[in-house]
């Protein structure tokens, strides 16, 4: 993951606004909220967000569950610096954790969003995530055909439908909510546009978002909301629970 670390350390300051206002990031949070509706808040007292990046999603978790202690970890010092800058929640902390040592402890919820596609040995990391999750595990990652622009931001793979679910079944987890979302406006339309524009390096997606950028982002976000949310699409968001918790 060294190459990914360098890419993100070099670019987090440029991408911070994109993570807040960008349509794909907002769409991801929308899907995560749909998944979180399956959680039982009274059961959740601790949460770790692995690969939290600049912290926008982690802040969202802490805001949604004010009685839960939320920890965000990442290997990028730049990302954690930005995360601490935006963190205004008493129940939230961020720290650099290059080896994800926090996973040596158990948490009621373990989340790992848009990370597994960057990891060479994804099975090893996913096993650690599962071992640390005493109740719930929340994952997101891209599926389907991989585009060149994704390689430019450190993606090593897009997952096949069902392969992560099968792996977690062997680890004692069952799905609460699975979403393969985004057809046709997020994928293929938006992802092809990102590929043509090499979105991660585009001046339009970097830096502070102007009114024009925010308006265009809103248009795409509305289109994404008109896309599929369950069976047909290349954005995966899954919420899993450990079997011994019982049927919910």
Protein backbone atom coordinates (compact mmCIF):
# COMPACT_ATOMS: atom_id res chain seq x y z
CA UNK A 1 0.00 0.00 0.00
CA UNK A 2 3.05 2.28 -0.12
CA UNK A 3 2.12 3.65 -3.53
CA UNK A 4 -1.43 4.37 -2.37
CA UNK A 5 -0.10 6.14 0.72
CA UNK A 6 2.04 8.41 -1.44
CA UNK A 7 -0.85 9.16 -3.80
CA UNK A 8 -3.15 10.10 -0.96
CA UNK A 9 -0.59 12.06 1.07
CA UNK A 10 0.09 14.12 -2.05
CA UNK A 11 -3.57 14.77 -2.86
CA UNK A 12 -5.75 14.83 0.26
CA UNK A 13 -5.68 18.62 0.55
CA UNK A 14 -6.86 18.84 -3.08
CA UNK A 15 -9.60 16.25 -2.60
CA UNK A 16 -11.07 17.38 0.73
CA UNK A 17 -13.88 19.44 -0.79
CA UNK A 18 -14.65 16.69 -3.31
CA UNK A 19 -15.27 14.31 -0.41
CA UNK A 20 -17.80 16.73 1.05
CA UNK A 21 -19.56 18.06 -2.05
CA UNK A 22 -18.72 15.54 -4.78
CA UNK A 23 -21.70 13.54 -6.04
CA UNK A 24 -20.05 10.13 -5.71
CA UNK A 25 -19.11 10.78 -2.07
CA UNK A 26 -22.62 12.04 -1.24
CA UNK A 27 -24.13 9.05 -3.04
CA UNK A 28 -21.96 6.73 -0.97
CA UNK A 29 -23.14 8.35 2.27
CA UNK A 30 -26.75 8.03 1.10
CA UNK A 31 -26.27 4.30 0.54
CA UNK A 32 -24.47 3.92 3.87
CA UNK A 33 -27.37 5.64 5.66
CA UNK A 34 -29.75 3.14 4.04
CA UNK A 35 -27.59 0.35 5.42
CA UNK A 36 -27.27 1.93 8.86
CA UNK A 37 -31.06 1.88 9.20
CA UNK A 38 -30.61 -1.85 9.92
CA UNK A 39 -28.39 -1.24 12.94
CA UNK A 40 -29.71 -1.25 16.51
CA UNK A 41 -28.29 1.96 18.04
CA UNK A 42 -28.68 0.76 21.63
CA UNK A 43 -26.24 -2.06 20.87
CA UNK A 44 -23.53 0.25 19.56
CA UNK A 45 -21.06 1.83 21.97
CA UNK A 46 -17.79 1.61 20.01
CA UNK A 47 -17.01 2.08 16.32
CA UNK A 48 -13.77 2.11 14.33
CA UNK A 49 -13.61 3.45 10.78
CA UNK A 50 -10.58 1.87 9.09
CA UNK A 51 -9.03 3.91 6.29
CA UNK A 52 -11.07 6.93 7.32
CA UNK A 53 -9.25 9.32 4.99
CA UNK A 54 -10.05 12.95 5.61
CA UNK A 55 -12.85 11.95 7.99
CA UNK A 56 -16.05 13.20 6.36
CA UNK A 57 -17.80 9.83 6.63
CA UNK A 58 -16.44 9.22 10.14
CA UNK A 59 -17.82 12.56 11.35
CA UNK A 60 -21.15 11.51 9.86
CA UNK A 61 -21.11 8.30 11.93
CA UNK A 62 -20.29 10.18 15.13
CA UNK A 63 -23.07 12.67 14.45
CA UNK A 64 -25.59 9.89 13.77
CA UNK A 65 -24.71 8.01 16.99
CA UNK A 66 -23.85 10.61 19.66
CA UNK A 67 -23.68 7.98 22.42
CA UNK A 68 -21.09 5.93 20.54
CA UNK A 69 -17.32 6.42 20.82
CA UNK A 70 -16.03 6.60 17.23
CA UNK A 71 -12.39 6.22 16.19
CA UNK A 72 -11.08 6.96 12.70
CA UNK A 73 -7.72 5.53 11.65
CA UNK A 74 -5.69 5.95 8.46
CA UNK A 75 -2.12 5.47 7.24
CA UNK A 76 -1.96 9.01 5.82
CA UNK A 77 -0.74 11.76 8.14
CA UNK A 78 -2.17 14.35 5.73
CA UNK A 79 -5.61 12.76 5.92
CA UNK A 80 -5.58 12.66 9.72
CA UNK A 81 -4.44 16.28 9.89
CA UNK A 82 -7.45 17.29 7.80
CA UNK A 83 -9.75 15.03 9.81
CA UNK A 84 -8.68 16.62 13.08
CA UNK A 85 -9.25 20.03 11.52
CA UNK A 86 -12.91 19.26 10.75
CA UNK A 87 -13.63 17.19 13.87
CA UNK A 88 -16.00 19.03 16.21
CA UNK A 89 -17.53 16.00 17.94
CA UNK A 90 -16.79 15.01 21.53
CA UNK A 91 -17.38 11.32 20.76
CA UNK A 92 -14.88 11.20 17.87
CA UNK A 93 -11.11 10.81 17.64
CA UNK A 94 -8.71 10.35 14.74
CA UNK A 95 -5.21 8.94 14.68
CA UNK A 96 -2.54 7.72 12.28
CA UNK A 97 -2.37 3.93 12.38
CA UNK A 98 -0.30 2.66 9.46
CA UNK A 99 -0.67 -1.02 10.41
CA UNK A 100 -4.28 -0.80 11.65
CA UNK A 101 -3.14 -1.85 15.11
CA UNK A 102 -6.50 -0.68 16.50
CA UNK A 103 -7.95 -3.91 15.09
CA UNK A 104 -6.27 -5.84 17.89
CA UNK A 105 -9.26 -4.71 19.98
CA UNK A 106 -12.96 -5.40 19.46
CA UNK A 107 -15.50 -2.81 18.38
CA UNK A 108 -19.27 -3.06 18.11
CA UNK A 109 -19.00 -1.71 14.56
CA UNK A 110 -16.08 -1.88 12.16
CA UNK A 111 -16.40 0.08 8.91
CA UNK A 112 -14.02 0.09 5.97
CA UNK A 113 -15.13 2.20 3.03
CA UNK A 114 -13.45 2.30 -0.39
CA UNK A 115 -10.29 0.69 0.99
CA UNK A 116 -10.20 -3.02 0.09
CA UNK A 117 -9.71 -2.26 -3.60
CA UNK A 118 -6.35 -0.66 -2.69
CA UNK A 119 -5.00 -3.64 -0.76
CA UNK A 120 -2.95 -6.42 -2.34
CA UNK A 121 -3.88 -9.04 0.27
CA UNK A 122 -7.47 -7.99 0.77
CA UNK A 123 -8.43 -11.33 2.36
CA UNK A 124 -5.95 -10.77 5.18
CA UNK A 125 -7.25 -7.28 5.91
CA UNK A 126 -10.89 -8.35 5.65
CA UNK A 127 -10.17 -11.20 8.06
CA UNK A 128 -8.76 -8.72 10.57
CA UNK A 129 -11.77 -6.44 10.12
CA UNK A 130 -14.12 -9.36 10.75
CA UNK A 131 -12.20 -10.53 13.82
CA UNK A 132 -12.41 -7.04 15.34
CA UNK A 133 -16.15 -6.60 14.67
CA UNK A 134 -18.08 -7.95 17.65
CA UNK A 135 -21.49 -7.10 16.13
CA UNK A 136 -21.52 -5.28 12.79
CA UNK A 137 -19.28 -4.84 9.77
CA UNK A 138 -19.89 -2.16 7.11
CA UNK A 139 -18.03 -2.28 3.80
CA UNK A 140 -18.04 -0.43 0.51
CA UNK A 141 -16.02 -0.90 -2.66
CA UNK A 142 -16.36 -0.75 -6.46
CA UNK A 143 -17.36 -3.74 -8.53
CA UNK A 144 -17.61 -4.36 -12.26
CA UNK A 145 -15.21 -3.27 -14.97
CA UNK A 146 -12.14 -1.37 -13.81
CA UNK A 147 -11.28 1.87 -15.60
CA UNK A 148 -7.80 3.37 -16.09
CA UNK A 149 -8.60 6.40 -13.92
CA UNK A 150 -9.14 4.06 -10.98
CA UNK A 151 -5.62 2.68 -11.37
CA UNK A 152 -4.35 6.26 -11.13
CA UNK A 153 -5.74 6.54 -7.59
CA UNK A 154 -4.25 3.25 -6.43
CA UNK A 155 -7.01 0.74 -7.14
CA UNK A 156 -5.70 -2.80 -7.61
CA UNK A 157 -9.04 -4.47 -8.38
CA UNK A 158 -12.77 -4.17 -8.63
CA UNK A 159 -14.56 -6.98 -6.83
CA UNK A 160 -16.78 -9.64 -8.30
CA UNK A 161 -20.34 -9.87 -7.11
CA UNK A 162 -20.62 -12.24 -4.16
CA UNK A 163 -16.95 -12.88 -3.43
CA UNK A 164 -16.81 -10.76 -0.27
CA UNK A 165 -20.13 -12.13 0.98
CA UNK A 166 -18.80 -15.68 0.56
CA UNK A 167 -15.60 -14.84 2.43
CA UNK A 168 -17.49 -13.27 5.34
CA UNK A 169 -19.86 -16.23 5.53
CA UNK A 170 -16.86 -18.36 6.42
CA UNK A 171 -15.98 -15.82 9.14
CA UNK A 172 -19.39 -16.08 10.80
CA UNK A 173 -21.12 -13.05 9.29
CA UNK A 174 -24.45 -12.78 7.53
CA UNK A 175 -25.73 -9.84 5.48
CA UNK A 176 -28.26 -7.42 6.90
CA UNK A 177 -28.41 -5.26 3.80
CA UNK A 178 -26.57 -5.59 0.49
CA UNK A 179 -26.62 -2.88 -2.15
CA UNK A 180 -25.16 -3.15 -5.64
CA UNK A 181 -26.20 0.30 -6.68
CA UNK A 182 -25.87 2.93 -9.36
CA UNK A 183 -27.12 1.73 -12.75
CA UNK A 184 -27.15 3.56 -15.12
CA UNK A 185 -26.25 7.08 -13.99
CA UNK A 186 -23.43 6.32 -11.54
CA UNK A 187 -22.17 3.39 -13.55
CA UNK A 188 -21.54 3.20 -16.41
CA UNK A 189 -22.35 6.85 -17.27
CA UNK A 190 -20.55 8.77 -14.52
CA UNK A 191 -17.62 6.39 -14.24
CA UNK A 192 -17.03 6.57 -17.99
CA UNK A 193 -17.12 10.37 -17.76
CA UNK A 194 -14.61 10.25 -14.90
CA UNK A 195 -12.41 8.03 -17.02
CA UNK A 196 -12.51 10.41 -20.00
CA UNK A 197 -11.74 13.31 -17.70
CA UNK A 198 -9.21 11.43 -15.49
CA UNK A 199 -11.29 12.71 -12.61
CA UNK A 200 -8.77 12.38 -9.78
CA UNK A 201 -6.38 14.72 -11.59
CA UNK A 202 -9.00 17.03 -13.06
CA UNK A 203 -8.90 20.65 -11.96
CA UNK A 204 -12.68 20.55 -11.81
CA UNK A 205 -12.68 18.07 -8.91
CA UNK A 206 -9.75 19.52 -6.99
CA UNK A 207 -9.48 22.34 -4.48
CA UNK A 208 -12.29 24.42 -3.01
CA UNK A 209 -15.58 23.86 -4.79
CA UNK A 210 -17.05 26.90 -6.50
CA UNK A 211 -20.78 27.55 -6.85
CA UNK A 212 -20.60 26.14 -10.39
CA UNK A 213 -18.97 22.95 -9.16
CA UNK A 214 -21.52 22.54 -6.38
CA UNK A 215 -24.43 23.05 -8.79
CA UNK A 216 -23.07 20.46 -11.23
CA UNK A 217 -22.40 18.08 -8.36
CA UNK A 218 -26.04 18.47 -7.29
CA UNK A 219 -27.23 17.57 -10.79
CA UNK A 220 -25.19 14.36 -10.79
CA UNK A 221 -26.28 13.52 -7.26
CA UNK A 222 -29.97 13.78 -8.22
CA UNK A 223 -29.28 11.50 -11.20
CA UNK A 224 -27.61 9.00 -8.88
CA UNK A 225 -30.72 9.02 -6.70
CA UNK A 226 -32.64 7.92 -9.80
CA UNK A 227 -30.31 4.95 -10.24
CA UNK A 228 -30.73 1.40 -8.99
CA UNK A 229 -30.11 0.83 -5.29
CA UNK A 230 -30.02 -2.93 -4.81
CA UNK A 231 -29.33 -5.41 -7.59
CA UNK A 232 -27.90 -3.58 -10.59
CA UNK A 233 -24.89 -1.35 -10.14
CA UNK A 234 -21.17 -1.20 -9.50
CA UNK A 235 -21.14 0.57 -6.11
CA UNK A 236 -21.29 -2.00 -3.33
CA UNK A 237 -22.35 -1.13 0.21
CA UNK A 238 -22.90 -4.00 2.61
CA UNK A 239 -23.91 -4.23 6.27
CA UNK A 240 -23.15 -7.57 7.93
CA UNK A 241 -23.78 -8.91 11.43
CA UNK A 242 -22.05 -11.60 13.43
CA UNK A 243 -24.30 -14.65 13.58
CA UNK A 244 -24.17 -15.09 17.32
CA UNK A 245 -25.79 -11.65 17.74
CA UNK A 246 -28.97 -13.37 16.52
CA UNK A 247 -31.51 -12.51 13.89
CA UNK A 248 -32.51 -8.87 14.04
